[in-house]
């Protein structure tokens, strides 16, 4: 009778041992490891300085062959060449600004101001093409009614760049001494680069230099 009891105990021990081997060692019963249990790798640092600046020198300068909407200030100085200012305008008398030459412009078509040999009109909307090589914007058709234009809002993603990195990226962008670059600034953890025109090619090139979500392009010609 005793031998039968011992045999039963040995059989039970074997069953428990097999069941224990099937379980995941070290895991609590009823739990499975998940991807979130693994540590997240830190994002690589943003490369700035000489390496980034050398690559920025090769950014494409793009022309707008198809008409785009342009909204800005038209100003003509002593040289007699109208230009379309799409960036910042100094509110002096007369105002001061810079931009590409404007072909096809007719001062007789708009009410404008004139002082000290300078003519200008602000808040002008038109369809226009842009030739990057000659730095010339050409008006296409009649002027548009600014009040009737509704453009999609310019949206930028948010980022997590610290102030030092934003300053370093902006220092790189200052080396872009070219007429199609209108300005840049830090915003919500990213850097916004304002240009005269981008069809997405310049954005792709900047992403290749800094990584996505670091610099966001903003095109004046829409």
Protein backbone atom coordinates (compact mmCIF):
# COMPACT_ATOMS: atom_id res chain seq x y z
CA UNK A 1 0.00 0.00 0.00
CA UNK A 2 2.89 2.38 0.82
CA UNK A 3 4.53 1.80 -2.56
CA UNK A 4 1.33 2.83 -4.35
CA UNK A 5 1.20 6.14 -2.46
CA UNK A 6 4.85 6.91 -3.32
CA UNK A 7 4.24 6.17 -6.97
CA UNK A 8 1.32 8.61 -7.02
CA UNK A 9 3.49 11.32 -5.48
CA UNK A 10 6.23 10.79 -8.08
CA UNK A 11 3.70 11.00 -10.92
CA UNK A 12 2.28 14.26 -9.57
CA UNK A 13 5.78 15.72 -9.30
CA UNK A 14 6.47 14.89 -12.93
CA UNK A 15 3.24 16.59 -14.03
CA UNK A 16 4.08 19.81 -12.13
CA UNK A 17 7.63 19.84 -13.47
CA UNK A 18 6.45 19.62 -17.09
CA UNK A 19 3.89 22.37 -16.54
CA UNK A 20 6.58 24.58 -15.01
CA UNK A 21 8.87 24.14 -18.04
CA UNK A 22 6.07 25.26 -20.41
CA UNK A 23 5.68 28.58 -18.58
CA UNK A 24 7.84 31.62 -19.39
CA UNK A 25 10.60 31.68 -16.74
CA UNK A 26 10.48 34.79 -14.63
CA UNK A 27 7.05 35.90 -15.89
CA UNK A 28 4.07 36.17 -13.59
CA UNK A 29 1.20 33.83 -14.38
CA UNK A 30 -1.21 35.33 -16.90
CA UNK A 31 1.15 38.12 -18.11
CA UNK A 32 2.88 38.57 -21.46
CA UNK A 33 5.77 40.96 -22.18
CA UNK A 34 4.83 43.90 -24.42
CA UNK A 35 6.76 46.24 -26.70
CA UNK A 36 6.23 49.08 -24.20
CA UNK A 37 8.30 47.14 -21.65
CA UNK A 38 11.38 47.76 -23.81
CA UNK A 39 13.28 51.02 -23.23
CA UNK A 40 12.77 53.67 -25.93
CA UNK A 41 15.95 54.66 -27.76
CA UNK A 42 16.71 58.39 -27.47
CA UNK A 43 16.35 60.47 -30.63
CA UNK A 44 19.68 61.18 -32.35
CA UNK A 45 21.01 64.71 -31.86
CA UNK A 46 20.37 67.28 -34.58
CA UNK A 47 23.52 67.82 -36.63
CA UNK A 48 24.32 71.54 -36.98
CA UNK A 49 27.37 73.62 -37.79
CA UNK A 50 29.74 73.26 -40.73
CA UNK A 51 28.36 69.95 -41.95
CA UNK A 52 24.76 71.20 -42.07
CA UNK A 53 25.77 74.54 -43.55
CA UNK A 54 27.68 72.86 -46.38
CA UNK A 55 24.60 70.85 -47.28
CA UNK A 56 22.31 73.88 -47.01
CA UNK A 57 24.39 75.55 -49.72
CA UNK A 58 22.99 72.96 -52.15
CA UNK A 59 19.31 73.61 -51.39
CA UNK A 60 17.32 73.92 -54.63
CA UNK A 61 16.04 77.34 -55.68
CA UNK A 62 12.68 76.65 -57.26
CA UNK A 63 10.62 78.42 -59.93
CA UNK A 64 6.83 78.52 -59.99
CA UNK A 65 5.89 77.75 -63.60
CA UNK A 66 2.18 77.47 -62.88
CA UNK A 67 0.45 80.62 -61.52
CA UNK A 68 0.35 80.89 -57.75
CA UNK A 69 -1.44 83.32 -55.47
CA UNK A 70 0.81 86.10 -54.24
CA UNK A 71 -0.15 88.67 -51.60
CA UNK A 72 2.21 91.49 -50.72
CA UNK A 73 3.35 95.07 -51.22
CA UNK A 74 4.30 96.49 -54.61
CA UNK A 75 7.01 99.14 -54.38
CA UNK A 76 8.93 101.08 -57.02
CA UNK A 77 11.98 103.12 -56.15
CA UNK A 78 14.18 105.53 -58.02
CA UNK A 79 15.32 102.84 -60.48
CA UNK A 80 11.81 102.63 -61.89
CA UNK A 81 11.47 98.86 -61.45
CA UNK A 82 8.41 97.65 -59.50
CA UNK A 83 9.08 94.83 -57.07
CA UNK A 84 6.80 92.56 -55.11
CA UNK A 85 7.66 92.42 -51.42
CA UNK A 86 6.44 89.14 -49.92
CA UNK A 87 8.40 89.36 -46.68
CA UNK A 88 8.74 91.99 -43.97
CA UNK A 89 7.96 95.63 -44.78
CA UNK A 90 9.40 98.49 -42.71
CA UNK A 91 6.56 100.87 -41.85
CA UNK A 92 8.44 104.06 -42.69
CA UNK A 93 7.44 106.87 -45.05
CA UNK A 94 7.97 105.68 -47.69
CA UNK A 95 8.03 102.00 -46.62
CA UNK A 96 11.11 99.90 -47.19
CA UNK A 97 11.18 96.31 -48.37
CA UNK A 98 12.85 93.95 -50.82
CA UNK A 99 11.59 91.38 -53.28
CA UNK A 100 11.79 90.10 -56.83
CA UNK A 101 11.14 92.35 -59.81
CA UNK A 102 7.47 92.45 -60.83
CA UNK A 103 6.72 92.17 -64.55
CA UNK A 104 3.34 93.05 -66.05
CA UNK A 105 2.54 95.64 -63.39
CA UNK A 106 0.44 98.73 -64.20
CA UNK A 107 0.35 101.55 -61.65
CA UNK A 108 -2.70 103.03 -63.38
CA UNK A 109 -4.73 99.97 -62.35
CA UNK A 110 -4.50 100.67 -58.60
CA UNK A 111 -4.76 103.54 -56.18
CA UNK A 112 -1.33 104.00 -54.68
CA UNK A 113 0.79 106.35 -52.62
CA UNK A 114 3.90 108.25 -53.67
CA UNK A 115 6.50 110.23 -51.79
CA UNK A 116 10.18 111.05 -52.21
CA UNK A 117 10.21 109.41 -55.62
CA UNK A 118 8.85 106.09 -54.30
CA UNK A 119 5.49 104.60 -55.29
CA UNK A 120 3.83 101.80 -53.36
CA UNK A 121 0.59 99.97 -52.63
CA UNK A 122 0.03 97.42 -49.87
CA UNK A 123 -2.27 94.42 -49.62
CA UNK A 124 -2.10 93.49 -53.31
CA UNK A 125 -3.29 90.04 -54.37
CA UNK A 126 -2.58 88.49 -57.75
CA UNK A 127 -1.85 85.28 -59.57
CA UNK A 128 1.77 85.16 -60.61
CA UNK A 129 4.57 82.95 -61.85
CA UNK A 130 8.12 83.12 -60.50
CA UNK A 131 11.43 82.67 -62.29
CA UNK A 132 14.13 81.94 -59.73
CA UNK A 133 17.04 82.50 -62.11
CA UNK A 134 16.06 86.05 -63.06
CA UNK A 135 14.37 86.74 -59.72
CA UNK A 136 11.24 87.95 -61.48
CA UNK A 137 7.58 87.54 -60.57
CA UNK A 138 5.17 87.98 -63.47
CA UNK A 139 1.58 89.03 -62.85
CA UNK A 140 -0.96 86.78 -64.57
CA UNK A 141 -4.36 88.30 -65.35
CA UNK A 142 -6.13 91.03 -63.41
CA UNK A 143 -5.61 91.73 -59.72
CA UNK A 144 -7.60 89.62 -57.28
CA UNK A 145 -10.03 90.85 -54.66
CA UNK A 146 -8.12 90.34 -51.44
CA UNK A 147 -11.32 90.21 -49.37
CA UNK A 148 -12.65 87.36 -51.48
CA UNK A 149 -9.56 85.15 -51.10
CA UNK A 150 -9.60 82.33 -48.56
CA UNK A 151 -6.34 80.44 -48.31
CA UNK A 152 -5.81 77.34 -46.16
CA UNK A 153 -4.17 78.16 -42.85
CA UNK A 154 -0.44 77.47 -42.69
CA UNK A 155 0.02 74.67 -40.18
CA UNK A 156 3.29 73.63 -38.57
CA UNK A 157 3.84 70.59 -36.42
CA UNK A 158 5.13 71.00 -32.87
CA UNK A 159 8.52 69.66 -31.85
CA UNK A 160 10.73 69.17 -28.85
CA UNK A 161 13.88 71.10 -29.79
CA UNK A 162 15.51 72.93 -26.91
CA UNK A 163 16.46 76.60 -27.19
CA UNK A 164 20.12 75.83 -27.83
CA UNK A 165 19.30 73.58 -30.79
CA UNK A 166 16.84 76.09 -32.23
CA UNK A 167 19.52 78.80 -32.02
CA UNK A 168 22.09 76.51 -33.69
CA UNK A 169 19.73 75.67 -36.57
CA UNK A 170 18.90 79.35 -37.05
CA UNK A 171 22.61 80.14 -37.17
CA UNK A 172 22.92 77.60 -39.98
CA UNK A 173 20.00 79.18 -41.86
CA UNK A 174 21.63 82.60 -41.63
CA UNK A 175 24.24 81.32 -44.08
CA UNK A 176 21.52 81.09 -46.76
CA UNK A 177 22.38 84.42 -48.37
CA UNK A 178 19.91 84.15 -51.26
CA UNK A 179 16.95 86.27 -52.37
CA UNK A 180 14.30 83.56 -52.03
CA UNK A 181 14.87 83.20 -48.28
CA UNK A 182 12.57 85.62 -46.46
CA UNK A 183 13.26 84.81 -42.81
CA UNK A 184 13.17 82.19 -40.06
CA UNK A 185 12.08 81.89 -36.44
CA UNK A 186 11.57 79.37 -33.66
CA UNK A 187 8.02 78.15 -32.97
CA UNK A 188 6.70 75.43 -30.64
CA UNK A 189 9.93 73.42 -30.56
CA UNK A 190 10.75 73.68 -34.30
CA UNK A 191 12.29 76.22 -36.69
CA UNK A 192 10.16 77.80 -39.42
CA UNK A 193 11.95 78.80 -42.63
CA UNK A 194 10.08 81.31 -44.80
CA UNK A 195 10.87 81.19 -48.50
CA UNK A 196 9.48 82.78 -51.61
CA UNK A 197 8.43 79.46 -53.14
CA UNK A 198 8.68 75.75 -52.35
CA UNK A 199 6.91 72.90 -54.10
CA UNK A 200 7.99 70.40 -51.46
CA UNK A 201 11.47 69.78 -52.86
CA UNK A 202 13.17 72.21 -50.50
CA UNK A 203 11.29 70.75 -47.52
CA UNK A 204 12.49 67.26 -48.47
CA UNK A 205 16.08 68.50 -48.74
CA UNK A 206 15.94 70.19 -45.32
CA UNK A 207 14.44 67.03 -43.79
CA UNK A 208 17.35 65.07 -45.23
CA UNK A 209 19.80 67.43 -43.51
CA UNK A 210 18.21 67.81 -40.09
CA UNK A 211 15.65 65.02 -39.89
CA UNK A 212 11.89 65.39 -40.06
CA UNK A 213 10.17 67.74 -37.64
CA UNK A 214 13.11 70.12 -37.17
CA UNK A 215 12.65 72.76 -39.90
CA UNK A 216 9.26 73.51 -41.45
CA UNK A 217 9.10 75.39 -44.78
CA UNK A 218 6.60 78.21 -45.30
CA UNK A 219 6.07 79.33 -48.92
CA UNK A 220 4.95 82.90 -49.68
CA UNK A 221 3.59 81.93 -53.08
CA UNK A 222 0.56 79.76 -52.42
